[in-house]
């Protein structure tokens, strides 16, 4: 069952607060740690989260116009706009935005993707454990599987595979099985390079290879 709007925002706001607490004690060197999001540091990902938290429908459309329709370029522009010389200032901006409820002209599940995937982009390289409600991860995964890669989704990455949550048995798609924790399936479908041993099944190798090429 899909989460309600209220449930989505409660999860997103909680996750923003948890991430702020995790990032507050980072050293200068840790802020420059490469994230799971290729080409971005931990600090870059945080700047992106400030950008998305403060960008509503109209601002998103204008960001795409300025980027000439290139979704990745629009994201890079947002990082440059919100990244401060002092990472603690970027974190302070995120703290000010943590309770906002702005979205692009897309399903509210985009906010779950931002909170969970980018949370892991930051946490995993830093060795910080993250835990997320299965309902939120499932909704984020379902959204990624129907969204094209050109808009940050994973439709092409997971095409022809059946993704199975090892904890609940919930499954998405058709084809050779790929079994793993839901958050690992979400990361792979979002084009993140994860440890291949986290996924099993006849389709696992294909999913991991596609994620690496994203």
N, C-alpha and C. Protein backbone atom coordinates (compact mmCIF):
# COMPACT_ATOMS: atom_id res chain seq x y z
N UNK A 1 0.84 -1.19 0.00
CA UNK A 1 0.00 0.00 0.00
C UNK A 1 0.88 1.25 0.00
N UNK A 2 0.55 2.20 -0.88
CA UNK A 2 1.34 3.43 -0.98
C UNK A 2 1.21 4.26 0.29
N UNK A 3 2.28 4.94 0.62
CA UNK A 3 2.26 5.82 1.77
C UNK A 3 1.45 7.07 1.47
N UNK A 4 0.79 7.60 2.47
CA UNK A 4 0.05 8.85 2.31
C UNK A 4 1.04 10.01 2.23
N UNK A 5 0.52 11.15 1.80
CA UNK A 5 1.38 12.34 1.75
C UNK A 5 1.95 12.66 3.12
N UNK A 6 1.12 12.57 4.14
CA UNK A 6 1.57 12.85 5.50
C UNK A 6 2.67 11.87 5.93
N UNK A 7 2.50 10.59 5.60
CA UNK A 7 3.50 9.60 5.97
C UNK A 7 4.82 9.83 5.26
N UNK A 8 4.74 10.22 3.98
CA UNK A 8 5.97 10.50 3.23
C UNK A 8 6.74 11.65 3.87
N UNK A 9 6.05 12.73 4.18
CA UNK A 9 6.75 13.89 4.72
C UNK A 9 7.26 13.62 6.13
N UNK A 10 6.54 12.85 6.91
CA UNK A 10 7.05 12.49 8.23
C UNK A 10 8.36 11.72 8.11
N UNK A 11 8.41 10.77 7.19
CA UNK A 11 9.64 10.00 6.98
C UNK A 11 10.77 10.90 6.48
N UNK A 12 10.46 11.76 5.52
CA UNK A 12 11.49 12.63 4.95
C UNK A 12 12.06 13.57 6.00
N UNK A 13 11.18 14.18 6.78
CA UNK A 13 11.65 15.11 7.81
C UNK A 13 12.47 14.40 8.88
N UNK A 14 12.04 13.20 9.25
CA UNK A 14 12.80 12.42 10.23
C UNK A 14 14.17 12.08 9.70
N UNK A 15 14.22 11.69 8.42
CA UNK A 15 15.50 11.32 7.83
C UNK A 15 16.42 12.52 7.70
N UNK A 16 15.88 13.67 7.36
CA UNK A 16 16.71 14.88 7.29
C UNK A 16 17.33 15.18 8.66
N UNK A 17 16.52 15.05 9.70
CA UNK A 17 17.01 15.31 11.06
C UNK A 17 18.10 14.31 11.44
N UNK A 18 17.91 13.03 11.09
CA UNK A 18 18.91 12.02 11.41
C UNK A 18 20.20 12.29 10.67
N UNK A 19 20.10 12.71 9.42
CA UNK A 19 21.31 12.98 8.63
C UNK A 19 22.06 14.18 9.20
N UNK A 20 21.34 15.20 9.60
CA UNK A 20 21.98 16.36 10.22
C UNK A 20 22.78 15.94 11.45
N UNK A 21 22.18 15.10 12.27
CA UNK A 21 22.87 14.62 13.48
C UNK A 21 24.11 13.81 13.12
N UNK A 22 24.03 13.00 12.06
CA UNK A 22 25.18 12.19 11.65
C UNK A 22 26.32 13.04 11.10
N UNK A 23 25.97 14.15 10.44
CA UNK A 23 26.99 14.95 9.76
C UNK A 23 27.62 16.01 10.65
N UNK A 24 26.95 16.39 11.70
CA UNK A 24 27.44 17.48 12.54
C UNK A 24 28.89 17.29 13.01
N UNK A 25 29.32 16.08 13.41
CA UNK A 25 30.70 15.94 13.93
C UNK A 25 31.78 15.67 12.88
N UNK A 26 31.47 15.73 11.59
CA UNK A 26 32.46 15.39 10.58
C UNK A 26 33.66 16.33 10.61
N UNK A 27 34.81 15.76 10.31
CA UNK A 27 36.03 16.56 10.18
C UNK A 27 36.09 17.16 8.78
N UNK A 28 37.03 18.09 8.58
CA UNK A 28 37.20 18.70 7.26
C UNK A 28 37.49 17.65 6.21
N UNK A 29 38.35 16.69 6.55
CA UNK A 29 38.71 15.65 5.58
C UNK A 29 37.51 14.77 5.24
N UNK A 30 36.69 14.46 6.21
CA UNK A 30 35.53 13.59 5.97
C UNK A 30 34.53 14.23 5.02
N UNK A 31 34.40 15.55 5.07
CA UNK A 31 33.48 16.22 4.16
C UNK A 31 33.89 16.02 2.70
N UNK A 32 35.17 15.81 2.46
CA UNK A 32 35.64 15.64 1.08
C UNK A 32 35.68 14.17 0.65
N UNK A 33 35.18 13.27 1.48
CA UNK A 33 35.12 11.85 1.13
C UNK A 33 34.28 11.65 -0.12
N UNK A 34 34.77 10.89 -1.11
CA UNK A 34 33.94 10.60 -2.29
C UNK A 34 32.67 9.85 -1.87
N UNK A 35 31.54 10.31 -2.34
CA UNK A 35 30.27 9.65 -2.03
C UNK A 35 30.00 8.52 -3.01
N UNK A 36 28.90 7.82 -2.82
CA UNK A 36 28.50 6.79 -3.79
C UNK A 36 27.99 7.41 -5.08
N UNK A 37 27.65 8.69 -5.04
CA UNK A 37 27.19 9.40 -6.23
C UNK A 37 28.42 9.87 -7.00
N UNK A 38 28.70 9.22 -8.10
CA UNK A 38 29.97 9.41 -8.80
C UNK A 38 30.24 10.88 -9.12
N UNK A 39 31.46 11.32 -8.77
CA UNK A 39 31.87 12.68 -9.05
C UNK A 39 31.54 13.67 -7.96
N UNK A 40 30.78 13.24 -6.97
CA UNK A 40 30.38 14.13 -5.88
C UNK A 40 31.00 13.69 -4.57
N UNK A 41 31.46 14.65 -3.80
CA UNK A 41 31.91 14.39 -2.44
C UNK A 41 30.71 14.35 -1.50
N UNK A 42 30.96 13.97 -0.25
CA UNK A 42 29.91 14.03 0.77
C UNK A 42 29.34 15.44 0.86
N UNK A 43 30.21 16.44 0.83
CA UNK A 43 29.76 17.84 0.88
C UNK A 43 28.89 18.18 -0.33
N UNK A 44 29.27 17.70 -1.51
CA UNK A 44 28.47 17.95 -2.71
C UNK A 44 27.07 17.37 -2.57
N UNK A 45 26.98 16.16 -2.06
CA UNK A 45 25.66 15.53 -1.91
C UNK A 45 24.79 16.34 -0.94
N UNK A 46 25.39 16.82 0.14
CA UNK A 46 24.62 17.63 1.07
C UNK A 46 24.12 18.91 0.39
N UNK A 47 24.98 19.55 -0.41
CA UNK A 47 24.55 20.75 -1.14
C UNK A 47 23.39 20.42 -2.07
N UNK A 48 23.44 19.27 -2.70
CA UNK A 48 22.33 18.84 -3.56
C UNK A 48 21.05 18.67 -2.74
N UNK A 49 21.17 18.12 -1.55
CA UNK A 49 19.99 17.95 -0.70
C UNK A 49 19.40 19.29 -0.27
N UNK A 50 20.25 20.29 -0.06
CA UNK A 50 19.73 21.63 0.22
C UNK A 50 18.98 22.14 -1.00
N UNK A 51 19.56 21.95 -2.17
CA UNK A 51 18.93 22.38 -3.42
C UNK A 51 17.55 21.74 -3.58
N UNK A 52 17.46 20.43 -3.46
CA UNK A 52 16.18 19.76 -3.69
C UNK A 52 15.16 20.09 -2.61
N UNK A 53 15.61 20.27 -1.37
CA UNK A 53 14.68 20.59 -0.29
C UNK A 53 14.06 21.96 -0.48
N UNK A 54 14.77 22.87 -1.13
CA UNK A 54 14.29 24.24 -1.27
C UNK A 54 13.70 24.54 -2.65
N UNK A 55 13.65 23.54 -3.52
CA UNK A 55 13.19 23.75 -4.89
C UNK A 55 11.78 23.18 -5.09
N UNK A 56 10.85 24.08 -5.41
CA UNK A 56 9.49 23.67 -5.70
C UNK A 56 9.28 23.49 -7.20
N UNK A 57 8.03 23.34 -7.59
CA UNK A 57 7.72 23.02 -8.99
C UNK A 57 8.21 24.08 -9.96
N UNK A 58 7.90 25.35 -9.70
CA UNK A 58 8.29 26.40 -10.64
C UNK A 58 9.81 26.53 -10.72
N UNK A 59 10.48 26.49 -9.57
CA UNK A 59 11.94 26.61 -9.57
C UNK A 59 12.58 25.43 -10.28
N UNK A 60 11.98 24.24 -10.15
CA UNK A 60 12.53 23.06 -10.84
C UNK A 60 12.45 23.25 -12.35
N UNK A 61 11.31 23.72 -12.82
CA UNK A 61 11.15 23.94 -14.26
C UNK A 61 12.19 24.93 -14.77
N UNK A 62 12.39 26.02 -14.04
CA UNK A 62 13.39 27.00 -14.46
C UNK A 62 14.80 26.42 -14.42
N UNK A 63 15.07 25.56 -13.44
CA UNK A 63 16.40 24.94 -13.38
C UNK A 63 16.65 24.07 -14.61
N UNK A 64 15.60 23.39 -15.08
CA UNK A 64 15.74 22.56 -16.28
C UNK A 64 15.88 23.42 -17.53
N UNK A 65 15.19 24.56 -17.57
CA UNK A 65 15.34 25.47 -18.70
C UNK A 65 16.77 25.98 -18.77
N UNK A 66 17.32 26.41 -17.63
CA UNK A 66 18.70 26.92 -17.60
C UNK A 66 19.70 25.83 -17.97
N UNK A 67 19.36 24.57 -17.65
CA UNK A 67 20.26 23.45 -17.97
C UNK A 67 19.98 22.87 -19.35
N UNK A 68 19.11 23.52 -20.11
CA UNK A 68 18.75 23.07 -21.47
C UNK A 68 18.22 21.65 -21.48
N UNK A 69 17.42 21.35 -20.44
CA UNK A 69 16.76 20.06 -20.38
C UNK A 69 17.62 18.92 -19.88
N UNK A 70 18.85 19.21 -19.46
CA UNK A 70 19.76 18.17 -18.99
C UNK A 70 19.61 18.04 -17.47
N UNK A 71 19.03 16.92 -17.02
CA UNK A 71 18.76 16.71 -15.59
C UNK A 71 20.03 16.72 -14.76
N UNK A 72 21.08 16.05 -15.23
CA UNK A 72 22.33 15.99 -14.49
C UNK A 72 22.98 17.37 -14.40
N UNK A 73 22.91 18.14 -15.49
CA UNK A 73 23.48 19.49 -15.46
C UNK A 73 22.72 20.37 -14.47
N UNK A 74 21.40 20.22 -14.43
CA UNK A 74 20.61 21.00 -13.48
C UNK A 74 21.02 20.67 -12.05
N UNK A 75 21.27 19.40 -11.77
CA UNK A 75 21.72 19.00 -10.43
C UNK A 75 23.09 19.59 -10.11
N UNK A 76 24.00 19.54 -11.08
CA UNK A 76 25.33 20.12 -10.84
C UNK A 76 25.24 21.63 -10.58
N UNK A 77 24.36 22.31 -11.31
CA UNK A 77 24.16 23.74 -11.09
C UNK A 77 23.66 23.99 -9.67
N UNK A 78 22.76 23.13 -9.19
CA UNK A 78 22.24 23.28 -7.84
C UNK A 78 23.30 23.09 -6.78
N UNK A 79 24.19 22.14 -7.00
CA UNK A 79 25.29 21.93 -6.05
C UNK A 79 26.17 23.18 -5.98
N UNK A 80 26.51 23.73 -7.13
CA UNK A 80 27.36 24.94 -7.13
C UNK A 80 26.65 26.12 -6.45
N UNK A 81 25.34 26.17 -6.58
CA UNK A 81 24.59 27.28 -6.00
C UNK A 81 24.53 27.21 -4.48
N UNK A 82 24.46 26.00 -3.92
CA UNK A 82 24.23 25.86 -2.49
C UNK A 82 25.45 25.40 -1.69
N UNK A 83 26.50 24.98 -2.35
CA UNK A 83 27.69 24.54 -1.62
C UNK A 83 28.48 25.73 -1.12
N UNK A 84 28.73 25.79 0.18
CA UNK A 84 29.49 26.86 0.80
C UNK A 84 30.95 26.44 0.98
N UNK A 85 31.82 27.42 1.16
CA UNK A 85 33.23 27.10 1.40
C UNK A 85 33.38 26.30 2.69
N UNK A 86 32.55 26.64 3.68
CA UNK A 86 32.54 25.94 4.97
C UNK A 86 31.39 24.95 4.97
N UNK A 87 31.69 23.65 5.07
CA UNK A 87 30.65 22.63 5.03
C UNK A 87 29.63 22.81 6.15
N UNK A 88 30.06 23.34 7.28
CA UNK A 88 29.11 23.55 8.38
C UNK A 88 28.06 24.59 8.01
N UNK A 89 28.41 25.52 7.14
CA UNK A 89 27.43 26.49 6.66
C UNK A 89 26.41 25.82 5.74
N UNK A 90 26.90 24.90 4.92
CA UNK A 90 25.97 24.13 4.07
C UNK A 90 25.05 23.30 4.94
N UNK A 91 25.59 22.72 5.99
CA UNK A 91 24.77 21.93 6.92
C UNK A 91 23.74 22.83 7.62
N UNK A 92 24.13 24.04 7.97
CA UNK A 92 23.19 24.98 8.60
C UNK A 92 22.05 25.31 7.65
N UNK A 93 22.35 25.45 6.36
CA UNK A 93 21.30 25.71 5.37
C UNK A 93 20.35 24.53 5.26
N UNK A 94 20.91 23.32 5.35
CA UNK A 94 20.06 22.12 5.31
C UNK A 94 19.17 22.06 6.55
N UNK A 95 19.73 22.44 7.68
CA UNK A 95 18.96 22.46 8.92
C UNK A 95 17.78 23.43 8.81
N UNK A 96 17.99 24.56 8.17
CA UNK A 96 16.91 25.54 7.99
C UNK A 96 15.83 25.01 7.05
N UNK A 97 16.20 24.11 6.16
CA UNK A 97 15.26 23.60 5.16
C UNK A 97 14.63 22.27 5.55
N UNK A 98 14.99 21.71 6.70
CA UNK A 98 14.62 20.33 7.01
C UNK A 98 13.11 20.11 7.08
N UNK A 99 12.31 21.13 7.42
CA UNK A 99 10.87 20.95 7.55
C UNK A 99 10.08 21.38 6.31
N UNK A 100 10.77 21.80 5.25
CA UNK A 100 10.08 22.21 4.03
C UNK A 100 9.41 21.01 3.36
N UNK A 101 8.37 21.30 2.57
CA UNK A 101 7.64 20.25 1.87
C UNK A 101 7.51 20.59 0.38
N UNK A 102 8.62 20.95 -0.22
CA UNK A 102 8.63 21.30 -1.64
C UNK A 102 8.97 20.08 -2.48
N UNK A 103 8.36 20.02 -3.66
CA UNK A 103 8.61 18.91 -4.58
C UNK A 103 8.71 19.44 -6.01
N UNK A 104 9.38 18.70 -6.88
CA UNK A 104 9.34 19.02 -8.30
C UNK A 104 7.98 18.61 -8.86
N UNK A 105 7.70 18.86 -10.15
CA UNK A 105 6.44 18.40 -10.73
C UNK A 105 6.49 16.90 -11.00
N UNK A 106 6.52 16.14 -9.93
CA UNK A 106 6.62 14.68 -10.00
C UNK A 106 5.98 14.10 -8.75
N UNK A 107 5.90 12.79 -8.68
CA UNK A 107 5.29 12.12 -7.53
C UNK A 107 6.08 12.42 -6.26
N UNK A 108 5.37 12.47 -5.14
CA UNK A 108 6.03 12.76 -3.85
C UNK A 108 7.09 11.74 -3.47
N UNK A 109 7.06 10.55 -4.12
CA UNK A 109 8.07 9.54 -3.83
C UNK A 109 9.48 10.01 -4.18
N UNK A 110 9.58 11.06 -5.01
CA UNK A 110 10.91 11.59 -5.30
C UNK A 110 11.62 12.04 -4.01
N UNK A 111 10.85 12.53 -3.05
CA UNK A 111 11.46 12.99 -1.79
C UNK A 111 11.99 11.80 -0.99
N UNK A 112 11.32 10.65 -1.09
CA UNK A 112 11.83 9.45 -0.44
C UNK A 112 13.14 9.01 -1.08
N UNK A 113 13.20 9.06 -2.40
CA UNK A 113 14.43 8.70 -3.10
C UNK A 113 15.56 9.61 -2.66
N UNK A 114 15.31 10.91 -2.60
CA UNK A 114 16.33 11.87 -2.16
C UNK A 114 16.82 11.53 -0.76
N UNK A 115 15.88 11.30 0.15
CA UNK A 115 16.24 11.08 1.55
C UNK A 115 17.02 9.79 1.75
N UNK A 116 16.58 8.72 1.10
CA UNK A 116 17.18 7.41 1.35
C UNK A 116 18.44 7.18 0.51
N UNK A 117 18.34 7.39 -0.79
CA UNK A 117 19.49 7.11 -1.66
C UNK A 117 20.64 8.05 -1.32
N UNK A 118 20.36 9.35 -1.22
CA UNK A 118 21.45 10.27 -0.91
C UNK A 118 21.93 10.12 0.53
N UNK A 119 21.05 9.70 1.42
CA UNK A 119 21.50 9.38 2.76
C UNK A 119 22.55 8.28 2.75
N UNK A 120 22.31 7.26 1.92
CA UNK A 120 23.29 6.18 1.80
C UNK A 120 24.52 6.59 0.99
N UNK A 121 24.33 7.49 0.01
CA UNK A 121 25.48 8.02 -0.72
C UNK A 121 26.50 8.61 0.24
N UNK A 122 25.99 9.24 1.28
CA UNK A 122 26.84 9.88 2.29
C UNK A 122 27.31 8.89 3.35
N UNK A 123 26.38 8.12 3.88
CA UNK A 123 26.70 7.29 5.06
C UNK A 123 27.66 6.14 4.76
N UNK A 124 27.44 5.44 3.67
CA UNK A 124 28.23 4.23 3.43
C UNK A 124 29.73 4.51 3.31
N UNK A 125 30.14 5.51 2.54
CA UNK A 125 31.58 5.77 2.48
C UNK A 125 32.17 6.22 3.82
N UNK A 126 31.34 6.79 4.69
CA UNK A 126 31.81 7.24 5.99
C UNK A 126 31.69 6.16 7.07
N UNK A 127 31.11 5.01 6.71
CA UNK A 127 30.95 3.93 7.67
C UNK A 127 29.88 4.21 8.71
N UNK A 128 28.88 5.03 8.35
CA UNK A 128 27.78 5.35 9.27
C UNK A 128 26.58 4.47 8.91
N UNK A 129 26.08 3.66 9.84
CA UNK A 129 24.93 2.81 9.52
C UNK A 129 23.66 3.63 9.33
N UNK A 130 22.83 3.19 8.40
CA UNK A 130 21.54 3.83 8.18
C UNK A 130 20.43 2.81 8.20
N UNK A 131 19.31 3.16 8.81
CA UNK A 131 18.14 2.29 8.85
C UNK A 131 16.94 3.08 8.38
N UNK A 132 16.10 2.45 7.54
CA UNK A 132 14.97 3.14 6.94
C UNK A 132 13.73 2.24 6.99
N UNK A 133 12.57 2.80 7.21
CA UNK A 133 11.34 2.00 7.22
C UNK A 133 11.13 1.30 5.88
N UNK A 134 10.77 0.03 5.93
CA UNK A 134 10.63 -0.73 4.69
C UNK A 134 9.59 -0.12 3.77
N UNK A 135 8.53 0.44 4.32
CA UNK A 135 7.50 1.04 3.46
C UNK A 135 8.06 2.19 2.64
N UNK A 136 8.91 3.00 3.25
CA UNK A 136 9.52 4.10 2.51
C UNK A 136 10.48 3.62 1.45
N UNK A 137 11.29 2.61 1.79
CA UNK A 137 12.24 2.06 0.81
C UNK A 137 11.48 1.42 -0.35
N UNK A 138 10.43 0.69 -0.06
CA UNK A 138 9.64 0.04 -1.11
C UNK A 138 9.03 1.06 -2.06
N UNK A 139 8.48 2.14 -1.50
CA UNK A 139 7.86 3.15 -2.37
C UNK A 139 8.92 3.86 -3.21
N UNK A 140 10.07 4.14 -2.62
CA UNK A 140 11.15 4.76 -3.38
C UNK A 140 11.63 3.83 -4.50
N UNK A 141 11.74 2.54 -4.20
CA UNK A 141 12.18 1.58 -5.21
C UNK A 141 11.18 1.48 -6.35
N UNK A 142 9.90 1.38 -6.01
CA UNK A 142 8.87 1.30 -7.05
C UNK A 142 8.92 2.53 -7.95
N UNK A 143 9.16 3.69 -7.36
CA UNK A 143 9.25 4.92 -8.17
C UNK A 143 10.47 4.87 -9.09
N UNK A 144 11.61 4.46 -8.57
CA UNK A 144 12.82 4.39 -9.39
C UNK A 144 12.65 3.44 -10.56
N UNK A 145 11.93 2.36 -10.34
CA UNK A 145 11.78 1.35 -11.39
C UNK A 145 10.87 1.81 -12.53
N UNK A 146 10.07 2.84 -12.29
CA UNK A 146 9.24 3.36 -13.38
C UNK A 146 9.74 4.69 -13.93
N UNK A 147 10.90 5.14 -13.44
CA UNK A 147 11.47 6.42 -13.86
C UNK A 147 12.69 6.19 -14.73
N UNK A 148 12.78 6.85 -15.89
CA UNK A 148 13.94 6.64 -16.77
C UNK A 148 15.23 7.16 -16.16
N UNK A 149 16.34 6.58 -16.58
CA UNK A 149 17.65 6.98 -16.07
C UNK A 149 17.96 8.43 -16.39
N UNK A 150 17.41 8.97 -17.48
CA UNK A 150 17.66 10.36 -17.85
C UNK A 150 17.12 11.33 -16.81
N UNK A 151 16.22 10.86 -15.94
CA UNK A 151 15.69 11.67 -14.85
C UNK A 151 16.08 11.08 -13.50
N UNK A 152 17.22 10.40 -13.46
CA UNK A 152 17.75 9.89 -12.20
C UNK A 152 17.13 8.58 -11.74
N UNK A 153 16.31 7.96 -12.59
CA UNK A 153 15.64 6.72 -12.21
C UNK A 153 16.43 5.49 -12.60
N UNK A 154 15.78 4.32 -12.47
CA UNK A 154 16.47 3.08 -12.74
C UNK A 154 15.71 2.12 -13.62
N UNK A 155 14.79 2.65 -14.43
CA UNK A 155 13.95 1.77 -15.25
C UNK A 155 14.80 0.88 -16.16
N UNK A 156 15.76 1.48 -16.83
CA UNK A 156 16.60 0.71 -17.76
C UNK A 156 17.57 -0.21 -17.01
N UNK A 157 18.03 0.23 -15.85
CA UNK A 157 18.98 -0.58 -15.08
C UNK A 157 18.36 -1.90 -14.65
N UNK A 158 17.12 -1.86 -14.20
CA UNK A 158 16.47 -3.06 -13.65
C UNK A 158 15.59 -3.78 -14.66
N UNK A 159 15.52 -3.29 -15.88
CA UNK A 159 14.65 -3.91 -16.89
C UNK A 159 15.02 -5.38 -17.09
N UNK A 160 14.02 -6.25 -17.11
CA UNK A 160 14.26 -7.67 -17.32
C UNK A 160 14.71 -8.42 -16.10
N UNK A 161 14.63 -7.79 -14.92
CA UNK A 161 15.00 -8.45 -13.66
C UNK A 161 13.80 -8.40 -12.71
N UNK A 162 13.76 -9.36 -11.82
CA UNK A 162 12.75 -9.38 -10.76
C UNK A 162 13.47 -9.14 -9.44
N UNK A 163 13.22 -7.98 -8.84
CA UNK A 163 13.89 -7.62 -7.60
C UNK A 163 13.07 -8.10 -6.42
N UNK A 164 13.73 -8.79 -5.50
CA UNK A 164 13.04 -9.43 -4.38
C UNK A 164 13.65 -8.95 -3.07
N UNK A 165 12.81 -8.40 -2.19
CA UNK A 165 13.25 -8.00 -0.86
C UNK A 165 13.41 -9.25 -0.01
N UNK A 166 14.64 -9.52 0.40
CA UNK A 166 14.93 -10.73 1.17
C UNK A 166 14.19 -10.76 2.50
N UNK A 167 13.89 -9.60 3.06
CA UNK A 167 13.26 -9.55 4.38
C UNK A 167 11.76 -9.78 4.34
N UNK A 168 11.11 -9.32 3.27
CA UNK A 168 9.64 -9.37 3.23
C UNK A 168 9.08 -10.26 2.12
N UNK A 169 9.89 -10.57 1.11
CA UNK A 169 9.41 -11.34 -0.03
C UNK A 169 8.72 -10.49 -1.08
N UNK A 170 8.56 -9.21 -0.85
CA UNK A 170 7.96 -8.33 -1.86
C UNK A 170 8.85 -8.31 -3.09
N UNK A 171 8.22 -8.23 -4.27
CA UNK A 171 8.99 -8.31 -5.51
C UNK A 171 8.47 -7.31 -6.53
N UNK A 172 9.38 -6.90 -7.41
CA UNK A 172 9.05 -5.94 -8.46
C UNK A 172 9.68 -6.41 -9.77
N UNK A 173 8.92 -6.36 -10.86
CA UNK A 173 9.44 -6.68 -12.17
C UNK A 173 9.33 -8.16 -12.52
N UNK A 174 9.79 -8.47 -13.72
CA UNK A 174 9.76 -9.83 -14.23
C UNK A 174 11.13 -10.18 -14.82
N UNK A 175 11.53 -11.43 -14.64
CA UNK A 175 12.81 -11.88 -15.16
C UNK A 175 13.59 -12.63 -14.11
N UNK A 176 14.89 -12.82 -14.33
CA UNK A 176 15.72 -13.52 -13.35
C UNK A 176 15.70 -12.78 -12.01
N UNK A 177 15.61 -13.53 -10.94
CA UNK A 177 15.55 -12.93 -9.60
C UNK A 177 16.86 -12.26 -9.20
N UNK A 178 16.70 -11.13 -8.49
CA UNK A 178 17.80 -10.47 -7.78
C UNK A 178 17.29 -10.27 -6.36
N UNK A 179 17.91 -10.93 -5.41
CA UNK A 179 17.43 -10.89 -4.03
C UNK A 179 18.43 -10.16 -3.14
N UNK A 180 17.91 -9.33 -2.27
CA UNK A 180 18.77 -8.60 -1.34
C UNK A 180 17.95 -7.74 -0.41
N UNK A 181 18.59 -7.03 0.47
CA UNK A 181 17.89 -6.07 1.31
C UNK A 181 17.31 -4.98 0.42
N UNK A 182 16.14 -4.47 0.79
CA UNK A 182 15.45 -3.52 -0.07
C UNK A 182 16.29 -2.29 -0.36
N UNK A 183 17.02 -1.79 0.63
CA UNK A 183 17.82 -0.59 0.41
C UNK A 183 18.96 -0.86 -0.56
N UNK A 184 19.51 -2.06 -0.58
CA UNK A 184 20.56 -2.41 -1.53
C UNK A 184 19.99 -2.51 -2.95
N UNK A 185 18.79 -3.07 -3.07
CA UNK A 185 18.12 -3.11 -4.37
C UNK A 185 17.87 -1.69 -4.88
N UNK A 186 17.43 -0.81 -3.97
CA UNK A 186 17.17 0.58 -4.34
C UNK A 186 18.44 1.27 -4.82
N UNK A 187 19.54 1.05 -4.12
CA UNK A 187 20.79 1.69 -4.51
C UNK A 187 21.26 1.18 -5.88
N UNK A 188 21.19 -0.12 -6.08
CA UNK A 188 21.61 -0.67 -7.37
C UNK A 188 20.73 -0.13 -8.50
N UNK A 189 19.42 -0.09 -8.27
CA UNK A 189 18.49 0.42 -9.28
C UNK A 189 18.71 1.92 -9.53
N UNK A 190 19.33 2.59 -8.58
CA UNK A 190 19.61 4.02 -8.72
C UNK A 190 20.99 4.28 -9.30
N UNK A 191 21.65 3.21 -9.75
CA UNK A 191 22.94 3.36 -10.40
C UNK A 191 24.12 3.48 -9.47
N UNK A 192 23.99 2.94 -8.26
CA UNK A 192 25.09 3.02 -7.31
C UNK A 192 25.91 1.73 -7.35
N UNK A 193 27.22 1.88 -7.25
CA UNK A 193 28.11 0.72 -7.22
C UNK A 193 28.12 0.17 -5.80
N UNK A 194 27.47 -0.96 -5.60
CA UNK A 194 27.43 -1.58 -4.29
C UNK A 194 28.19 -2.90 -4.32
N UNK A 195 28.48 -3.42 -3.17
CA UNK A 195 29.19 -4.70 -3.05
C UNK A 195 28.34 -5.80 -3.72
N UNK A 196 28.85 -6.46 -4.76
CA UNK A 196 28.07 -7.49 -5.44
C UNK A 196 27.60 -8.61 -4.52
N UNK A 197 28.31 -8.83 -3.42
CA UNK A 197 27.93 -9.90 -2.51
C UNK A 197 26.65 -9.59 -1.74
N UNK A 198 26.19 -8.35 -1.81
CA UNK A 198 24.95 -7.99 -1.13
C UNK A 198 23.72 -8.48 -1.87
N UNK A 199 23.89 -8.87 -3.13
CA UNK A 199 22.77 -9.32 -3.96
C UNK A 199 23.04 -10.75 -4.43
N UNK A 200 21.98 -11.54 -4.48
CA UNK A 200 22.10 -12.91 -4.95
C UNK A 200 21.03 -13.18 -6.00
N UNK A 201 21.16 -14.32 -6.67
CA UNK A 201 20.18 -14.71 -7.67
C UNK A 201 20.73 -14.61 -9.07
N UNK A 202 20.07 -15.25 -10.03
CA UNK A 202 20.57 -15.32 -11.40
C UNK A 202 20.64 -13.97 -12.11
N UNK A 203 19.89 -12.97 -11.63
CA UNK A 203 19.93 -11.66 -12.28
C UNK A 203 20.85 -10.67 -11.60
N UNK A 204 21.49 -11.07 -10.49
CA UNK A 204 22.28 -10.13 -9.69
C UNK A 204 23.45 -9.54 -10.48
N UNK A 205 24.16 -10.40 -11.21
CA UNK A 205 25.33 -9.92 -11.95
C UNK A 205 24.93 -8.87 -12.98
N UNK A 206 23.81 -9.08 -13.67
CA UNK A 206 23.34 -8.14 -14.68
C UNK A 206 22.99 -6.80 -14.05
N UNK A 207 22.28 -6.83 -12.93
CA UNK A 207 21.88 -5.59 -12.26
C UNK A 207 23.10 -4.80 -11.80
N UNK A 208 24.06 -5.48 -11.20
CA UNK A 208 25.27 -4.80 -10.72
C UNK A 208 26.06 -4.20 -11.88
N UNK A 209 26.18 -4.94 -12.99
CA UNK A 209 26.91 -4.43 -14.15
C UNK A 209 26.24 -3.18 -14.71
N UNK A 210 24.92 -3.20 -14.82
CA UNK A 210 24.20 -2.04 -15.34
C UNK A 210 24.35 -0.83 -14.42
N UNK A 211 24.30 -1.09 -13.12
CA UNK A 211 24.47 0.01 -12.16
C UNK A 211 25.84 0.66 -12.32
N UNK A 212 26.86 -0.14 -12.57
CA UNK A 212 28.21 0.40 -12.75
C UNK A 212 28.33 1.26 -14.00
N UNK A 213 27.50 0.95 -15.01
CA UNK A 213 27.58 1.71 -16.27
C UNK A 213 26.73 2.98 -16.23
N UNK A 214 25.93 3.16 -15.20
CA UNK A 214 25.03 4.32 -15.13
C UNK A 214 25.82 5.63 -15.13
